[in-house]
Amino acid sequence: MTTKIAITDDHVMVLKGIESMLENTSEVSVIATYVNAKDALEGLKRQQPDVLLLDINLPDINGIDLSKQLLKLYPDLKIIALTNFEDISFVKRMLKNGVHGYLLKNTDKIELIQALKTVLSGSLYIQKSINDKLLNQLSSKPAGNGLEIKLTRREHDVLVGISEELTTQQISEKLFISPKTVETHRMNIMSKLGAKNSVGIIKIAIEKELL
């Protein structure tokens, strides 16, 4: 089954470059490209892709605000931010709005396809360099920062493992605890954050500055 994608970016060279990158990939089809938010809003009324690659820096509406609008209009649409912005504040705002992935424009074909598969499976995809920045920010936060949500040290360790996309088994091996204990911590984290699944855990943790 071919994945239909659309791209919104105000640089024609970027649009052409991604189209060229994917032209010989049978599993992915670029069905539309848009150079601004207005064109994207109009185009999606006519034809909806499975995944939209969205730049943040657009000439009319920024991608952060546009993502929020689009996900209200099309709840099933998967959006991956594809941008040059590495600032963690942009990442957090995009994820808070509900986007499903965050990639920098220096990504390659292999990672782009992996990101598409990941978000279509219902998981969150964050490019490793960006994820590392999130984790570094987490580790540098002082203890007792006044957050309403308090995680135990072990819950915090499990949260980091979840953010690294580790499986329950991998987290248990990393922390030297049983898989059942990992799941108990995961359930406690979900309860404290009010999340329904691992994707929700990450989004809420970022929003609450736990990541």
Protein backbone atom coordinates (compact mmCIF):
# COMPACT_ATOMS: atom_id res chain seq x y z
CA MET A 1 0.00 0.00 0.00
CA THR A 2 1.39 3.37 -1.05
CA THR A 3 1.66 6.13 1.55
CA LYS A 4 0.37 9.44 0.22
CA ILE A 5 2.28 12.46 1.42
CA ALA A 6 2.04 16.21 0.88
CA ILE A 7 4.69 18.85 1.60
CA THR A 8 4.27 22.45 2.73
CA ASP A 9 7.40 24.58 2.36
CA ASP A 10 7.93 28.02 0.85
CA HIS A 11 11.23 27.01 -0.76
CA VAL A 12 10.66 25.38 -4.16
CA MET A 13 14.12 23.80 -4.03
CA VAL A 14 13.15 21.96 -0.86
CA LEU A 15 9.91 20.73 -2.42
CA LYS A 16 11.72 19.54 -5.55
CA GLY A 17 14.48 17.97 -3.47
CA ILE A 18 12.09 15.85 -1.41
CA GLU A 19 10.12 14.86 -4.49
CA SER A 20 13.36 13.81 -6.18
CA MET A 21 14.48 11.91 -3.08
CA LEU A 22 11.27 9.87 -3.05
CA GLU A 23 10.53 9.52 -6.77
CA ASN A 24 11.88 5.96 -7.04
CA THR A 25 10.30 4.80 -3.79
CA SER A 26 7.23 2.71 -4.62
CA GLU A 27 5.89 2.76 -1.06
CA VAL A 28 5.63 6.58 -0.97
CA SER A 29 3.84 8.95 -3.34
CA VAL A 30 4.02 12.76 -3.18
CA ILE A 31 0.49 13.80 -4.13
CA ALA A 32 0.77 17.57 -3.53
CA THR A 33 3.14 20.38 -2.64
CA TYR A 34 2.21 23.75 -1.16
CA VAL A 35 4.29 26.92 -0.81
CA ASN A 36 2.28 28.52 1.98
CA ALA A 37 -0.36 27.85 4.62
CA LYS A 38 -3.22 29.21 2.51
CA ASP A 39 -2.47 26.79 -0.33
CA ALA A 40 -2.21 23.92 2.14
CA LEU A 41 -5.57 24.72 3.73
CA GLU A 42 -7.24 24.92 0.32
CA GLY A 43 -5.47 21.86 -1.07
CA LEU A 44 -6.36 19.62 1.85
CA LYS A 45 -10.03 20.36 1.28
CA ARG A 46 -9.71 18.62 -2.08
CA GLN A 47 -7.28 15.83 -1.32
CA GLN A 48 -5.94 14.59 1.99
CA PRO A 49 -2.59 12.81 2.29
CA ASP A 50 -1.73 10.22 4.91
CA VAL A 51 1.16 12.39 6.09
CA LEU A 52 1.93 16.09 5.73
CA LEU A 53 5.54 17.28 5.93
CA LEU A 54 5.28 20.80 7.34
CA ASP A 55 7.85 23.57 7.61
CA ILE A 56 7.59 25.95 10.56
CA ASN A 57 8.78 29.08 8.79
CA LEU A 58 6.00 29.92 6.30
CA PRO A 59 5.26 33.37 4.81
CA ASP A 60 1.63 33.67 5.93
CA ILE A 61 0.84 31.41 8.93
CA ASN A 62 3.66 29.79 10.86
CA GLY A 63 3.73 26.01 10.93
CA ILE A 64 3.11 25.90 14.67
CA ASP A 65 -0.26 27.62 14.36
CA LEU A 66 -1.06 25.85 11.08
CA SER A 67 -0.50 22.41 12.61
CA LYS A 68 -3.02 23.20 15.32
CA GLN A 69 -5.61 24.31 12.74
CA LEU A 70 -5.07 21.30 10.51
CA LEU A 71 -5.31 18.71 13.26
CA LYS A 72 -8.61 20.20 14.40
CA LEU A 73 -9.92 19.97 10.82
CA TYR A 74 -8.37 16.57 10.04
CA PRO A 75 -7.85 14.55 13.26
CA ASP A 76 -6.58 11.50 11.34
CA LEU A 77 -3.90 13.46 9.46
CA LYS A 78 -0.33 12.70 10.51
CA ILE A 79 1.96 15.74 10.54
CA ILE A 80 5.75 15.66 10.64
CA ALA A 81 7.56 18.95 11.16
CA LEU A 82 10.36 19.21 8.59
CA THR A 83 12.38 22.29 9.41
CA ASN A 84 15.75 23.90 10.05
CA PHE A 85 14.71 25.00 13.54
CA GLU A 86 16.49 23.04 16.27
CA ASP A 87 15.28 25.22 19.15
CA ILE A 88 13.65 22.97 21.75
CA SER A 89 10.90 25.55 22.35
CA PHE A 90 9.72 25.02 18.76
CA VAL A 91 9.82 21.25 19.20
CA LYS A 92 7.76 21.44 22.39
CA ARG A 93 5.17 23.77 20.84
CA MET A 94 4.75 21.57 17.78
CA LEU A 95 4.40 18.41 19.87
CA LYS A 96 1.99 20.16 22.22
CA ASN A 97 -0.18 20.94 19.18
CA GLY A 98 -0.29 17.23 18.38
CA VAL A 99 2.18 16.76 15.54
CA HIS A 100 3.48 13.23 15.18
CA GLY A 101 7.12 13.78 14.28
CA TYR A 102 9.96 16.28 14.14
CA LEU A 103 12.73 16.13 11.54
CA LEU A 104 15.44 18.52 10.45
CA LYS A 105 15.94 19.22 6.76
CA ASN A 106 19.32 17.50 6.89
CA THR A 107 17.53 14.14 7.19
CA ASP A 108 18.19 11.47 4.61
CA LYS A 109 15.86 9.21 2.66
CA ILE A 110 16.22 6.26 5.02
CA GLU A 111 15.30 8.31 8.08
CA LEU A 112 12.44 10.07 6.31
CA ILE A 113 10.87 6.76 5.32
CA GLN A 114 11.41 5.42 8.85
CA ALA A 115 9.69 8.51 10.24
CA LEU A 116 6.74 8.01 7.89
CA LYS A 117 6.36 4.37 8.93
CA THR A 118 6.65 5.26 12.62
CA VAL A 119 3.97 7.95 12.65
CA LEU A 120 1.62 5.83 10.54
CA SER A 121 1.97 3.05 13.12
CA GLY A 122 0.71 5.48 15.75
CA SER A 123 4.05 6.28 17.38
CA LEU A 124 5.96 9.52 17.74
CA TYR A 125 9.17 10.08 15.72
CA ILE A 126 11.74 12.63 16.86
CA GLN A 127 15.08 12.88 15.05
CA LYS A 128 17.86 11.60 17.31
CA SER A 129 19.75 14.90 17.54
CA ILE A 130 16.55 16.65 18.64
CA ASN A 131 15.66 13.87 21.08
CA ASP A 132 19.16 14.13 22.56
CA LYS A 133 18.62 17.85 23.16
CA LEU A 134 15.34 17.12 24.92
CA LEU A 135 17.05 14.56 27.13
CA ASN A 136 19.97 16.90 27.86
CA GLN A 137 17.53 19.59 28.91
CA LEU A 138 15.79 17.07 31.14
CA SER A 139 19.01 15.97 32.81
CA SER A 140 20.10 19.57 33.39
CA LYS A 141 16.87 20.61 35.13
CA PRO A 142 17.38 21.22 38.84
CA ALA A 143 15.55 19.00 41.29
CA GLY A 144 12.52 20.48 42.95
CA ASN A 145 11.58 22.81 40.10
CA GLY A 146 8.07 23.39 41.41
CA LEU A 147 6.24 21.08 39.00
CA GLU A 148 2.85 19.91 40.10
CA ILE A 149 3.49 16.43 38.71
CA LYS A 150 6.05 14.57 40.80
CA LEU A 151 7.67 11.42 39.46
CA THR A 152 9.79 9.10 41.56
CA ARG A 153 13.39 8.59 40.50
CA ARG A 154 12.53 5.20 39.00
CA GLU A 155 9.49 6.60 37.18
CA HIS A 156 11.75 9.31 35.79
CA ASP A 157 14.21 6.66 34.58
CA VAL A 158 11.40 4.74 32.87
CA LEU A 159 10.11 7.98 31.31
CA VAL A 160 13.53 8.61 29.80
CA GLY A 161 13.52 5.06 28.43
CA ILE A 162 10.11 5.60 26.86
CA SER A 163 11.32 8.86 25.28
CA GLU A 164 14.26 6.91 23.79
CA GLU A 165 11.70 4.55 22.19
CA LEU A 166 13.01 1.56 24.15
CA THR A 167 10.80 -1.49 24.58
CA THR A 168 9.69 -2.70 28.00
CA GLN A 169 12.32 -5.46 27.81
CA GLN A 170 15.08 -2.99 26.87
CA ILE A 171 14.12 -0.64 29.71
CA SER A 172 14.10 -3.54 32.17
CA GLU A 173 17.59 -4.60 31.06
CA LYS A 174 18.89 -1.02 31.18
CA LEU A 175 17.55 -0.39 34.69
CA PHE A 176 18.06 -3.94 36.04
CA ILE A 177 14.42 -4.34 36.98
CA SER A 178 11.79 -6.81 35.80
CA PRO A 179 9.54 -6.09 32.80
CA LYS A 180 6.56 -6.28 35.17
CA THR A 181 8.08 -3.51 37.31
CA VAL A 182 8.67 -1.41 34.19
CA GLU A 183 5.01 -1.79 33.27
CA THR A 184 3.96 -0.84 36.79
CA HIS A 185 6.05 2.33 36.56
CA ARG A 186 4.62 3.01 33.09
CA MET A 187 1.07 2.72 34.41
CA ASN A 188 1.91 5.04 37.32
CA ILE A 189 3.39 7.58 34.90
CA MET A 190 0.29 7.39 32.69
CA SER A 191 -1.92 7.89 35.73
CA LYS A 192 0.04 10.89 37.01
CA LEU A 193 0.17 12.51 33.57
CA GLY A 194 -3.36 11.60 32.53
CA ALA A 195 -2.02 9.94 29.39
CA LYS A 196 -3.60 7.06 27.45
CA ASN A 197 -0.52 5.61 25.77
CA SER A 198 3.22 6.10 25.23
CA VAL A 199 2.72 8.85 22.65
CA GLY A 200 0.53 10.70 25.14
CA ILE A 201 3.14 10.21 27.86
CA ILE A 202 5.82 11.92 25.75
CA LYS A 203 3.59 14.79 24.62
CA ILE A 204 2.36 15.56 28.14
CA ALA A 205 5.82 15.12 29.65
CA ILE A 206 7.20 17.67 27.19
CA GLU A 207 4.31 20.04 27.85
CA LYS A 208 4.85 19.76 31.62
CA GLU A 209 8.62 20.19 31.13
CA LEU A 210 9.40 16.73 32.44
CA LEU A 211 11.33 16.18 29.21
